[in-house]
Amino acid sequence: KTKKKGKQKGKKKTKSKNEDVDETLHKKPSMKTATDVISRIMWDDSLE
């Protein structure tokens, strides 16, 4: 919530420790959702 004072043009933003861990955690491949599975079963003619 804290806004840095002044503009920091051209300065590369540094990541916090929590952001680094969070980014590493979410390098897992994204899993298709239940809604995706429902749509597949509903509309794929090869599935009963």
All heavy atoms as atom14 arrays in JSON, in Angstrom:
{
  "sequence": "KTKKKGKQKGKKKTKSKNEDVDETLHKKPSMKTATDVISRIMWDDSLE",
  "atom14_mask": [
    [1, 1, 1, 1, 1, 1, 1, 1, 1, 0, 0, 0, 0, 0],
    [1, 1, 1, 1, 1, 1, 1, 0, 0, 0, 0, 0, 0, 0],
    [1, 1, 1, 1, 1, 1, 1, 1, 1, 0, 0, 0, 0, 0],
    [1, 1, 1, 1, 1, 1, 1, 1, 1, 0, 0, 0, 0, 0],
    [1, 1, 1, 1, 1, 1, 1, 1, 1, 0, 0, 0, 0, 0],
    [1, 1, 1, 1, 0, 0, 0, 0, 0, 0, 0, 0, 0, 0],
    [1, 1, 1, 1, 1, 1, 1, 1, 1, 0, 0, 0, 0, 0],
    [1, 1, 1, 1, 1, 1, 1, 1, 1, 0, 0, 0, 0, 0],
    [1, 1, 1, 1, 1, 1, 1, 1, 1, 0, 0, 0, 0, 0],
    [1, 1, 1, 1, 0, 0, 0, 0, 0, 0, 0, 0, 0, 0],
    [1, 1, 1, 1, 1, 1, 1, 1, 1, 0, 0, 0, 0, 0],
    [1, 1, 1, 1, 1, 1, 1, 1, 1, 0, 0, 0, 0, 0],
    [1, 1, 1, 1, 1, 1, 1, 1, 1, 0, 0, 0, 0, 0],
    [1, 1, 1, 1, 1, 1, 1, 0, 0, 0, 0, 0, 0, 0],
    [1, 1, 1, 1, 1, 1, 1, 1, 1, 0, 0, 0, 0, 0],
    [1, 1, 1, 1, 1, 1, 0, 0, 0, 0, 0, 0, 0, 0],
    [1, 1, 1, 1, 1, 1, 1, 1, 1, 0, 0, 0, 0, 0],
    [1, 1, 1, 1, 1, 1, 1, 1, 0, 0, 0, 0, 0, 0],
    [1, 1, 1, 1, 1, 1, 1, 1, 1, 0, 0, 0, 0, 0],
    [1, 1, 1, 1, 1, 1, 1, 1, 0, 0, 0, 0, 0, 0],
    [1, 1, 1, 1, 1, 1, 1, 0, 0, 0, 0, 0, 0, 0],
    [1, 1, 1, 1, 1, 1, 1, 1, 0, 0, 0, 0, 0, 0],
    [1, 1, 1, 1, 1, 1, 1, 1, 1, 0, 0, 0, 0, 0],
    [1, 1, 1, 1, 1, 1, 1, 0, 0, 0, 0, 0, 0, 0],
    [1, 1, 1, 1, 1, 1, 1, 1, 0, 0, 0, 0, 0, 0],
    [1, 1, 1, 1, 1, 1, 1, 1, 1, 1, 0, 0, 0, 0],
    [1, 1, 1, 1, 1, 1, 1, 1, 1, 0, 0, 0, 0, 0],
    [1, 1, 1, 1, 1, 1, 1, 1, 1, 0, 0, 0, 0, 0],
    [1, 1, 1, 1, 1, 1, 1, 0, 0, 0, 0, 0, 0, 0],
    [1, 1, 1, 1, 1, 1, 0, 0, 0, 0, 0, 0, 0, 0],
    [1, 1, 1, 1, 1, 1, 1, 1, 0, 0, 0, 0, 0, 0],
    [1, 1, 1, 1, 1, 1, 1, 1, 1, 0, 0, 0, 0, 0],
    [1, 1, 1, 1, 1, 1, 1, 0, 0, 0, 0, 0, 0, 0],
    [1, 1, 1, 1, 1, 0, 0, 0, 0, 0, 0, 0, 0, 0],
    [1, 1, 1, 1, 1, 1, 1, 0, 0, 0, 0, 0, 0, 0],
    [1, 1, 1, 1, 1, 1, 1, 1, 0, 0, 0, 0, 0, 0],
    [1, 1, 1, 1, 1, 1, 1, 0, 0, 0, 0, 0, 0, 0],
    [1, 1, 1, 1, 1, 1, 1, 1, 0, 0, 0, 0, 0, 0],
    [1, 1, 1, 1, 1, 1, 0, 0, 0, 0, 0, 0, 0, 0],
    [1, 1, 1, 1, 1, 1, 1, 1, 1, 1, 1, 0, 0, 0],
    [1, 1, 1, 1, 1, 1, 1, 1, 0, 0, 0, 0, 0, 0],
    [1, 1, 1, 1, 1, 1, 1, 1, 0, 0, 0, 0, 0, 0],
    [1, 1, 1, 1, 1, 1, 1, 1, 1, 1, 1, 1, 1, 1],
    [1, 1, 1, 1, 1, 1, 1, 1, 0, 0, 0, 0, 0, 0],
    [1, 1, 1, 1, 1, 1, 1, 1, 0, 0, 0, 0, 0, 0],
    [1, 1, 1, 1, 1, 1, 0, 0, 0, 0, 0, 0, 0, 0],
    [1, 1, 1, 1, 1, 1, 1, 1, 0, 0, 0, 0, 0, 0],
    [1, 1, 1, 1, 1, 1, 1, 1, 1, 0, 0, 0, 0, 0]
  ],
  "atom14_positions": [
    [[0.82, -1.21, 0.0], [0.0, 0.0, 0.0], [0.86, 1.26, 0.0], [0.38, 2.37, -0.24], [-0.93, 0.01, 1.22], [-2.06, -1.01, 1.13], [-2.96, -0.91, 2.33], [-4.11, -1.88, 2.23], [-5.01, -1.82, 3.41], [0.0, 0.0, 0.0], [0.0, 0.0, 0.0], [0.0, 0.0, 0.0], [0.0, 0.0, 0.0], [0.0, 0.0, 0.0]],
    [[2.14, 1.12, 0.35], [3.02, 2.28, 0.43], [3.48, 2.69, -0.95], [4.04, 1.88, -1.69], [4.25, 1.97, 1.3], [3.79, 1.56, 2.58], [5.14, 3.19, 1.43], [0.0, 0.0, 0.0], [0.0, 0.0, 0.0], [0.0, 0.0, 0.0], [0.0, 0.0, 0.0], [0.0, 0.0, 0.0], [0.0, 0.0, 0.0], [0.0, 0.0, 0.0]],
    [[3.24, 3.89, -1.3], [3.67, 4.4, -2.61], [5.02, 5.1, -2.47], [5.23, 5.91, -1.57], [2.63, 5.37, -3.15], [1.29, 4.72, -3.43], [0.33, 5.73, -4.04], [-1.0, 5.09, -4.36], [-1.94, 6.07, -4.94], [0.0, 0.0, 0.0], [0.0, 0.0, 0.0], [0.0, 0.0, 0.0], [0.0, 0.0, 0.0], [0.0, 0.0, 0.0]],
    [[5.89, 4.78, -3.35], [7.19, 5.43, -3.33], [7.06, 6.87, -3.8], [6.34, 7.16, -4.76], [8.16, 4.67, -4.23], [8.47, 3.26, -3.72], [9.48, 2.58, -4.61], [9.8, 1.19, -4.07], [10.79, 0.5, -4.9], [0.0, 0.0, 0.0], [0.0, 0.0, 0.0], [0.0, 0.0, 0.0], [0.0, 0.0, 0.0], [0.0, 0.0, 0.0]],
    [[7.76, 7.72, -3.12], [7.72, 9.12, -3.49], [8.6, 9.38, -4.69], [9.71, 8.87, -4.78], [8.19, 9.99, -2.31], [7.27, 9.89, -1.09], [7.78, 10.8, 0.01], [6.87, 10.72, 1.23], [7.34, 11.6, 2.32], [0.0, 0.0, 0.0], [0.0, 0.0, 0.0], [0.0, 0.0, 0.0], [0.0, 0.0, 0.0], [0.0, 0.0, 0.0]],
    [[8.08, 10.22, -5.59], [8.86, 10.59, -6.76], [8.83, 9.53, -7.83], [8.46, 8.39, -7.59], [0.0, 0.0, 0.0], [0.0, 0.0, 0.0], [0.0, 0.0, 0.0], [0.0, 0.0, 0.0], [0.0, 0.0, 0.0], [0.0, 0.0, 0.0], [0.0, 0.0, 0.0], [0.0, 0.0, 0.0], [0.0, 0.0, 0.0], [0.0, 0.0, 0.0]],
    [[9.19, 9.91, -9.03], [9.21, 8.98, -10.16], [10.58, 8.34, -10.25], [11.59, 8.97, -10.01], [8.89, 9.73, -11.45], [7.49, 10.31, -11.47], [7.21, 11.02, -12.78], [5.81, 11.6, -12.79], [5.51, 12.29, -14.05], [0.0, 0.0, 0.0], [0.0, 0.0, 0.0], [0.0, 0.0, 0.0], [0.0, 0.0, 0.0], [0.0, 0.0, 0.0]],
    [[10.6, 7.07, -10.63], [11.85, 6.34, -10.73], [11.99, 5.8, -12.14], [12.06, 4.61, -12.37], [11.87, 5.19, -9.71], [11.73, 5.67, -8.26], [11.79, 4.51, -7.28], [12.01, 3.38, -7.66], [11.59, 4.82, -6.02], [0.0, 0.0, 0.0], [0.0, 0.0, 0.0], [0.0, 0.0, 0.0], [0.0, 0.0, 0.0], [0.0, 0.0, 0.0]],
    [[11.99, 6.71, -13.08], [12.09, 6.3, -14.47], [13.43, 5.63, -14.74], [14.47, 6.08, -14.3], [11.96, 7.52, -15.38], [10.58, 8.14, -15.34], [10.49, 9.31, -16.31], [9.11, 9.92, -16.29], [8.99, 11.06, -17.23], [0.0, 0.0, 0.0], [0.0, 0.0, 0.0], [0.0, 0.0, 0.0], [0.0, 0.0, 0.0], [0.0, 0.0, 0.0]],
    [[13.35, 4.55, -15.5], [14.54, 3.84, -15.91], [15.15, 2.96, -14.85], [16.12, 2.27, -15.1], [0.0, 0.0, 0.0], [0.0, 0.0, 0.0], [0.0, 0.0, 0.0], [0.0, 0.0, 0.0], [0.0, 0.0, 0.0], [0.0, 0.0, 0.0], [0.0, 0.0, 0.0], [0.0, 0.0, 0.0], [0.0, 0.0, 0.0], [0.0, 0.0, 0.0]],
    [[14.58, 2.98, -13.64], [15.12, 2.14, -12.58], [14.38, 0.82, -12.53], [13.16, 0.79, -12.48], [14.98, 2.86, -11.23], [15.63, 2.06, -10.09], [15.57, 2.86, -8.8], [16.21, 2.09, -7.66], [16.16, 2.85, -6.4], [0.0, 0.0, 0.0], [0.0, 0.0, 0.0], [0.0, 0.0, 0.0], [0.0, 0.0, 0.0], [0.0, 0.0, 0.0]],
    [[15.13, -0.26, -12.56], [14.52, -1.58, -12.56], [13.93, -1.87, -11.18], [14.57, -1.68, -10.16], [15.58, -2.65, -12.9], [14.99, -4.04, -13.02], [16.07, -5.03, -13.43], [15.47, -6.43, -13.54], [16.51, -7.4, -13.93], [0.0, 0.0, 0.0], [0.0, 0.0, 0.0], [0.0, 0.0, 0.0], [0.0, 0.0, 0.0], [0.0, 0.0, 0.0]],
    [[12.68, -2.33, -11.19], [11.99, -2.63, -9.94], [12.57, -3.9, -9.32], [12.74, -4.91, -9.99], [10.5, -2.83, -10.2], [9.71, -3.12, -8.94], [8.24, -3.33, -9.28], [7.45, -3.69, -8.03], [6.03, -3.92, -8.35], [0.0, 0.0, 0.0], [0.0, 0.0, 0.0], [0.0, 0.0, 0.0], [0.0, 0.0, 0.0], [0.0, 0.0, 0.0]],
    [[12.88, -3.85, -8.04], [13.4, -5.03, -7.36], [12.25, -5.8, -6.72], [11.27, -5.22, -6.28], [14.39, -4.62, -6.25], [13.72, -3.75, -5.33], [15.59, -3.93, -6.85], [0.0, 0.0, 0.0], [0.0, 0.0, 0.0], [0.0, 0.0, 0.0], [0.0, 0.0, 0.0], [0.0, 0.0, 0.0], [0.0, 0.0, 0.0], [0.0, 0.0, 0.0]],
    [[12.39, -7.11, -6.69], [11.34, -7.96, -6.13], [11.62, -8.23, -4.66], [12.76, -8.39, -4.25], [11.28, -9.28, -6.89], [10.91, -9.14, -8.35], [10.88, -10.5, -9.01], [10.53, -10.37, -10.48], [10.53, -11.69, -11.16], [0.0, 0.0, 0.0], [0.0, 0.0, 0.0], [0.0, 0.0, 0.0], [0.0, 0.0, 0.0], [0.0, 0.0, 0.0]],
    [[10.53, -8.31, -3.91], [10.68, -8.69, -2.51], [10.93, -10.18, -2.41], [10.73, -10.93, -3.36], [9.39, -8.34, -1.74], [8.34, -9.18, -2.16], [0.0, 0.0, 0.0], [0.0, 0.0, 0.0], [0.0, 0.0, 0.0], [0.0, 0.0, 0.0], [0.0, 0.0, 0.0], [0.0, 0.0, 0.0], [0.0, 0.0, 0.0], [0.0, 0.0, 0.0]],
    [[11.37, -10.63, -1.23], [11.63, -12.05, -1.03], [10.37, -12.88, -1.24], [10.4, -13.94, -1.86], [12.18, -12.25, 0.39], [12.52, -13.71, 0.71], [13.08, -13.82, 2.1], [13.41, -15.28, 2.44], [13.95, -15.41, 3.81], [0.0, 0.0, 0.0], [0.0, 0.0, 0.0], [0.0, 0.0, 0.0], [0.0, 0.0, 0.0], [0.0, 0.0, 0.0]],
    [[9.24, -12.38, -0.71], [7.98, -13.12, -0.86], [7.58, -13.24, -2.31], [7.05, -14.26, -2.75], [6.86, -12.42, -0.09], [6.91, -12.77, 1.39], [7.53, -13.75, 1.78], [6.25, -11.96, 2.21], [0.0, 0.0, 0.0], [0.0, 0.0, 0.0], [0.0, 0.0, 0.0], [0.0, 0.0, 0.0], [0.0, 0.0, 0.0], [0.0, 0.0, 0.0]],
    [[7.84, -12.16, -3.1], [7.47, -12.2, -4.52], [8.31, -13.23, -5.26], [7.82, -13.91, -6.16], [7.64, -10.82, -5.13], [6.58, -9.83, -4.68], [6.84, -8.43, -5.22], [8.02, -8.04, -5.3], [5.87, -7.76, -5.56], [0.0, 0.0, 0.0], [0.0, 0.0, 0.0], [0.0, 0.0, 0.0], [0.0, 0.0, 0.0], [0.0, 0.0, 0.0]],
    [[9.6, -13.34, -4.9], [10.46, -14.34, -5.54], [9.95, -15.75, -5.26], [9.88, -16.6, -6.15], [11.9, -14.21, -5.04], [12.61, -13.04, -5.69], [12.25, -12.68, -6.84], [13.52, -12.48, -5.06], [0.0, 0.0, 0.0], [0.0, 0.0, 0.0], [0.0, 0.0, 0.0], [0.0, 0.0, 0.0], [0.0, 0.0, 0.0], [0.0, 0.0, 0.0]],
    [[9.59, -16.03, -3.99], [9.12, -17.36, -3.62], [7.8, -17.66, -4.32], [7.56, -18.74, -4.83], [8.96, -17.47, -2.09], [8.37, -18.83, -1.72], [10.27, -17.25, -1.4], [0.0, 0.0, 0.0], [0.0, 0.0, 0.0], [0.0, 0.0, 0.0], [0.0, 0.0, 0.0], [0.0, 0.0, 0.0], [0.0, 0.0, 0.0], [0.0, 0.0, 0.0]],
    [[6.92, -16.62, -4.35], [5.61, -16.8, -4.97], [5.75, -17.1, -6.45], [5.06, -17.96, -7.0], [4.77, -15.54, -4.76], [3.36, -15.71, -5.27], [2.65, -16.59, -4.74], [2.99, -14.99, -6.21], [0.0, 0.0, 0.0], [0.0, 0.0, 0.0], [0.0, 0.0, 0.0], [0.0, 0.0, 0.0], [0.0, 0.0, 0.0], [0.0, 0.0, 0.0]],
    [[6.67, -16.41, -7.12], [6.86, -16.63, -8.54], [7.4, -18.03, -8.81], [6.99, -18.71, -9.75], [7.83, -15.58, -9.1], [8.05, -15.69, -10.61], [8.94, -14.58, -11.1], [10.16, -14.75, -11.09], [8.4, -13.54, -11.5], [0.0, 0.0, 0.0], [0.0, 0.0, 0.0], [0.0, 0.0, 0.0], [0.0, 0.0, 0.0], [0.0, 0.0, 0.0]],
    [[8.31, -18.49, -7.95], [8.86, -19.85, -8.1], [7.77, -20.88, -7.91], [7.68, -21.87, -8.64], [9.97, -20.08, -7.06], [10.98, -19.11, -7.26], [10.55, -21.48, -7.21], [0.0, 0.0, 0.0], [0.0, 0.0, 0.0], [0.0, 0.0, 0.0], [0.0, 0.0, 0.0], [0.0, 0.0, 0.0], [0.0, 0.0, 0.0], [0.0, 0.0, 0.0]],
    [[6.9, -20.65, -6.9], [5.82, -21.59, -6.63], [4.92, -21.76, -7.84], [4.5, -22.85, -8.17], [5.01, -21.1, -5.43], [3.78, -21.94, -5.05], [4.22, -23.29, -4.51], [2.91, -21.22, -4.05], [0.0, 0.0, 0.0], [0.0, 0.0, 0.0], [0.0, 0.0, 0.0], [0.0, 0.0, 0.0], [0.0, 0.0, 0.0], [0.0, 0.0, 0.0]],
    [[4.63, -20.68, -8.53], [3.66, -20.71, -9.62], [4.3, -20.96, -10.97], [3.71, -20.68, -12.0], [2.84, -19.42, -9.63], [1.9, -19.35, -8.47], [0.86, -20.22, -8.32], [1.88, -18.53, -7.4], [0.21, -19.94, -7.2], [0.82, -18.92, -6.63], [0.0, 0.0, 0.0], [0.0, 0.0, 0.0], [0.0, 0.0, 0.0], [0.0, 0.0, 0.0]],
    [[5.53, -21.52, -10.95], [6.09, -21.98, -12.21], [5.51, -23.32, -12.62], [5.8, -23.85, -13.68], [7.62, -22.08, -12.09], [8.3, -20.73, -12.12], [9.8, -20.86, -12.09], [10.48, -19.48, -12.15], [11.94, -19.57, -12.08], [0.0, 0.0, 0.0], [0.0, 0.0, 0.0], [0.0, 0.0, 0.0], [0.0, 0.0, 0.0], [0.0, 0.0, 0.0]],
    [[4.64, -23.91, -11.72], [3.92, -25.12, -12.09], [3.02, -24.82, -13.28], [2.49, -23.72, -13.4], [3.04, -25.6, -10.93], [3.8, -26.05, -9.7], [2.82, -26.48, -8.64], [3.52, -26.94, -7.38], [2.55, -27.33, -6.33], [0.0, 0.0, 0.0], [0.0, 0.0, 0.0], [0.0, 0.0, 0.0], [0.0, 0.0, 0.0], [0.0, 0.0, 0.0]],
    [[2.83, -25.8, -14.16], [1.92, -25.57, -15.28], [0.51, -25.33, -14.78], [0.07, -25.92, -13.8], [2.01, -26.88, -16.08], [2.49, -27.9, -15.1], [3.4, -27.16, -14.18], [0.0, 0.0, 0.0], [0.0, 0.0, 0.0], [0.0, 0.0, 0.0], [0.0, 0.0, 0.0], [0.0, 0.0, 0.0], [0.0, 0.0, 0.0], [0.0, 0.0, 0.0]],
    [[-0.19, -24.45, -15.46], [-1.56, -24.14, -15.07], [-2.46, -25.33, -15.35], [-2.44, -25.9, -16.43], [-2.04, -22.92, -15.86], [-3.38, -22.62, -15.53], [0.0, 0.0, 0.0], [0.0, 0.0, 0.0], [0.0, 0.0, 0.0], [0.0, 0.0, 0.0], [0.0, 0.0, 0.0], [0.0, 0.0, 0.0], [0.0, 0.0, 0.0], [0.0, 0.0, 0.0]],
    [[-3.25, -25.69, -14.37], [-4.14, -26.85, -14.49], [-5.49, -26.41, -15.03], [-6.03, -25.38, -14.61], [-4.3, -27.52, -13.12], [-5.22, -28.73, -13.1], [-5.29, -29.43, -11.43], [-6.55, -30.69, -11.64], [0.0, 0.0, 0.0], [0.0, 0.0, 0.0], [0.0, 0.0, 0.0], [0.0, 0.0, 0.0], [0.0, 0.0, 0.0], [0.0, 0.0, 0.0]],
    [[-6.03, -27.19, -15.95], [-7.37, -26.9, -16.47], [-8.38, -26.99, -15.33], [-8.27, -27.83, -14.44], [-7.74, -27.89, -17.57], [-6.93, -27.74, -18.85], [-7.31, -26.47, -19.6], [-6.64, -26.43, -20.97], [-7.02, -25.22, -21.73], [0.0, 0.0, 0.0], [0.0, 0.0, 0.0], [0.0, 0.0, 0.0], [0.0, 0.0, 0.0], [0.0, 0.0, 0.0]],
    [[-9.38, -26.14, -15.38], [-10.35, -26.05, -14.29], [-11.49, -27.04, -14.48], [-11.65, -27.66, -15.54], [-10.94, -24.64, -14.22], [-11.7, -24.39, -15.41], [-9.84, -23.6, -14.09], [0.0, 0.0, 0.0], [0.0, 0.0, 0.0], [0.0, 0.0, 0.0], [0.0, 0.0, 0.0], [0.0, 0.0, 0.0], [0.0, 0.0, 0.0], [0.0, 0.0, 0.0]],
    [[-12.32, -27.16, -13.44], [-13.5, -28.02, -13.52], [-14.43, -27.55, -14.64], [-15.06, -28.37, -15.33], [-14.24, -28.02, -12.18], [0.0, 0.0, 0.0], [0.0, 0.0, 0.0], [0.0, 0.0, 0.0], [0.0, 0.0, 0.0], [0.0, 0.0, 0.0], [0.0, 0.0, 0.0], [0.0, 0.0, 0.0], [0.0, 0.0, 0.0], [0.0, 0.0, 0.0]],
    [[-14.53, -26.25, -14.83], [-15.36, -25.71, -15.9], [-14.87, -26.18, -17.26], [-15.67, -26.51, -18.16], [-15.38, -24.18, -15.85], [-15.88, -23.75, -14.58], [-16.25, -23.6, -16.95], [0.0, 0.0, 0.0], [0.0, 0.0, 0.0], [0.0, 0.0, 0.0], [0.0, 0.0, 0.0], [0.0, 0.0, 0.0], [0.0, 0.0, 0.0], [0.0, 0.0, 0.0]],
    [[-13.55, -26.23, -17.44], [-12.98, -26.73, -18.7], [-13.36, -28.19, -18.93], [-13.69, -28.6, -20.04], [-11.45, -26.59, -18.68], [-10.99, -25.14, -18.63], [-11.66, -24.3, -19.25], [-9.98, -24.87, -17.96], [0.0, 0.0, 0.0], [0.0, 0.0, 0.0], [0.0, 0.0, 0.0], [0.0, 0.0, 0.0], [0.0, 0.0, 0.0], [0.0, 0.0, 0.0]],
    [[-13.27, -28.99, -17.87], [-13.6, -30.42, -17.99], [-15.07, -30.6, -18.34], [-15.43, -31.42, -19.19], [-13.25, -31.16, -16.69], [-13.64, -32.64, -16.8], [-11.77, -31.03, -16.36], [0.0, 0.0, 0.0], [0.0, 0.0, 0.0], [0.0, 0.0, 0.0], [0.0, 0.0, 0.0], [0.0, 0.0, 0.0], [0.0, 0.0, 0.0], [0.0, 0.0, 0.0]],
    [[-15.93, -29.83, -17.68], [-17.38, -29.91, -17.96], [-17.65, -29.6, -19.42], [-18.4, -30.32, -20.11], [-18.15, -28.95, -17.04], [-18.08, -29.42, -15.59], [-19.61, -28.83, -17.48], [-18.53, -28.4, -14.59], [0.0, 0.0, 0.0], [0.0, 0.0, 0.0], [0.0, 0.0, 0.0], [0.0, 0.0, 0.0], [0.0, 0.0, 0.0], [0.0, 0.0, 0.0]],
    [[-17.05, -28.54, -19.92], [-17.25, -28.16, -21.32], [-16.77, -29.25, -22.26], [-17.42, -29.54, -23.28], [-16.52, -26.84, -21.62], [-17.04, -25.79, -20.84], [0.0, 0.0, 0.0], [0.0, 0.0, 0.0], [0.0, 0.0, 0.0], [0.0, 0.0, 0.0], [0.0, 0.0, 0.0], [0.0, 0.0, 0.0], [0.0, 0.0, 0.0], [0.0, 0.0, 0.0]],
    [[-15.65, -29.87, -21.92], [-15.1, -30.93, -22.78], [-16.07, -32.12, -22.85], [-16.36, -32.65, -23.93], [-13.75, -31.37, -22.22], [-13.09, -32.52, -23.0], [-12.68, -32.08, -24.4], [-12.01, -33.16, -25.1], [-10.7, -33.4, -25.05], [-9.92, -32.65, -24.28], [-10.18, -34.38, -25.72], [0.0, 0.0, 0.0], [0.0, 0.0, 0.0], [0.0, 0.0, 0.0]],
    [[-16.56, -32.53, -21.7], [-17.49, -33.67, -21.67], [-18.8, -33.33, -22.37], [-19.4, -34.16, -23.07], [-17.74, -34.12, -20.22], [-16.43, -34.58, -19.56], [-18.77, -35.24, -20.17], [-16.55, -34.86, -18.08], [0.0, 0.0, 0.0], [0.0, 0.0, 0.0], [0.0, 0.0, 0.0], [0.0, 0.0, 0.0], [0.0, 0.0, 0.0], [0.0, 0.0, 0.0]],
    [[-19.24, -32.1, -22.21], [-20.51, -31.67, -22.8], [-20.46, -31.63, -24.32], [-21.4, -32.03, -25.01], [-20.89, -30.28, -22.28], [-21.33, -30.27, -20.82], [-22.96, -30.97, -20.56], [-23.98, -29.75, -21.38], [0.0, 0.0, 0.0], [0.0, 0.0, 0.0], [0.0, 0.0, 0.0], [0.0, 0.0, 0.0], [0.0, 0.0, 0.0], [0.0, 0.0, 0.0]],
    [[-19.33, -31.18, -24.87], [-19.3, -30.84, -26.3], [-18.42, -31.74, -27.15], [-18.43, -31.63, -28.37], [-18.87, -29.38, -26.47], [-19.74, -28.43, -25.72], [-19.4, -27.67, -24.65], [-21.13, -28.16, -25.97], [-20.47, -26.94, -24.19], [-21.55, -27.22, -25.0], [-22.05, -28.61, -26.9], [-22.85, -26.74, -24.94], [-23.35, -28.13, -26.85], [-23.74, -27.2, -25.89]],
    [[-17.68, -32.63, -26.52], [-16.85, -33.56, -27.3], [-17.71, -34.76, -27.69], [-18.09, -35.58, -26.84], [-15.65, -34.0, -26.46], [-14.63, -34.79, -27.29], [-15.03, -35.41, -28.3], [-13.44, -34.8, -26.92], [0.0, 0.0, 0.0], [0.0, 0.0, 0.0], [0.0, 0.0, 0.0], [0.0, 0.0, 0.0], [0.0, 0.0, 0.0], [0.0, 0.0, 0.0]],
    [[-18.0, -34.9, -28.96], [-18.89, -35.98, -29.43], [-18.31, -37.36, -29.21], [-19.03, -38.37, -29.26], [-19.21, -35.79, -30.92], [-20.05, -34.56, -31.19], [-20.74, -34.12, -30.24], [-20.03, -34.03, -32.32], [0.0, 0.0, 0.0], [0.0, 0.0, 0.0], [0.0, 0.0, 0.0], [0.0, 0.0, 0.0], [0.0, 0.0, 0.0], [0.0, 0.0, 0.0]],
    [[-17.0, -37.45, -29.01], [-16.38, -38.76, -28.81], [-16.53, -39.25, -27.37], [-16.17, -40.4, -27.07], [-14.9, -38.7, -29.17], [-14.18, -37.87, -28.25], [0.0, 0.0, 0.0], [0.0, 0.0, 0.0], [0.0, 0.0, 0.0], [0.0, 0.0, 0.0], [0.0, 0.0, 0.0], [0.0, 0.0, 0.0], [0.0, 0.0, 0.0], [0.0, 0.0, 0.0]],
    [[-17.04, -38.41, -26.49], [-17.2, -38.77, -25.08], [-18.67, -38.98, -24.74], [-19.52, -38.18, -25.14], [-16.62, -37.68, -24.17], [-15.16, -37.3, -24.4], [-14.76, -36.2, -23.43], [-14.25, -38.51, -24.25], [0.0, 0.0, 0.0], [0.0, 0.0, 0.0], [0.0, 0.0, 0.0], [0.0, 0.0, 0.0], [0.0, 0.0, 0.0], [0.0, 0.0, 0.0]],
    [[-18.96, -40.04, -24.01], [-20.31, -40.33, -23.54], [-20.49, -39.76, -22.13], [-19.74, -40.1, -21.22], [-20.57, -41.83, -23.52], [-20.64, -42.48, -24.9], [-21.88, -42.05, -25.67], [-22.86, -41.63, -25.04], [-21.85, -42.14, -26.92], [0.0, 0.0, 0.0], [0.0, 0.0, 0.0], [0.0, 0.0, 0.0], [0.0, 0.0, 0.0], [0.0, 0.0, 0.0]]
  ]
}
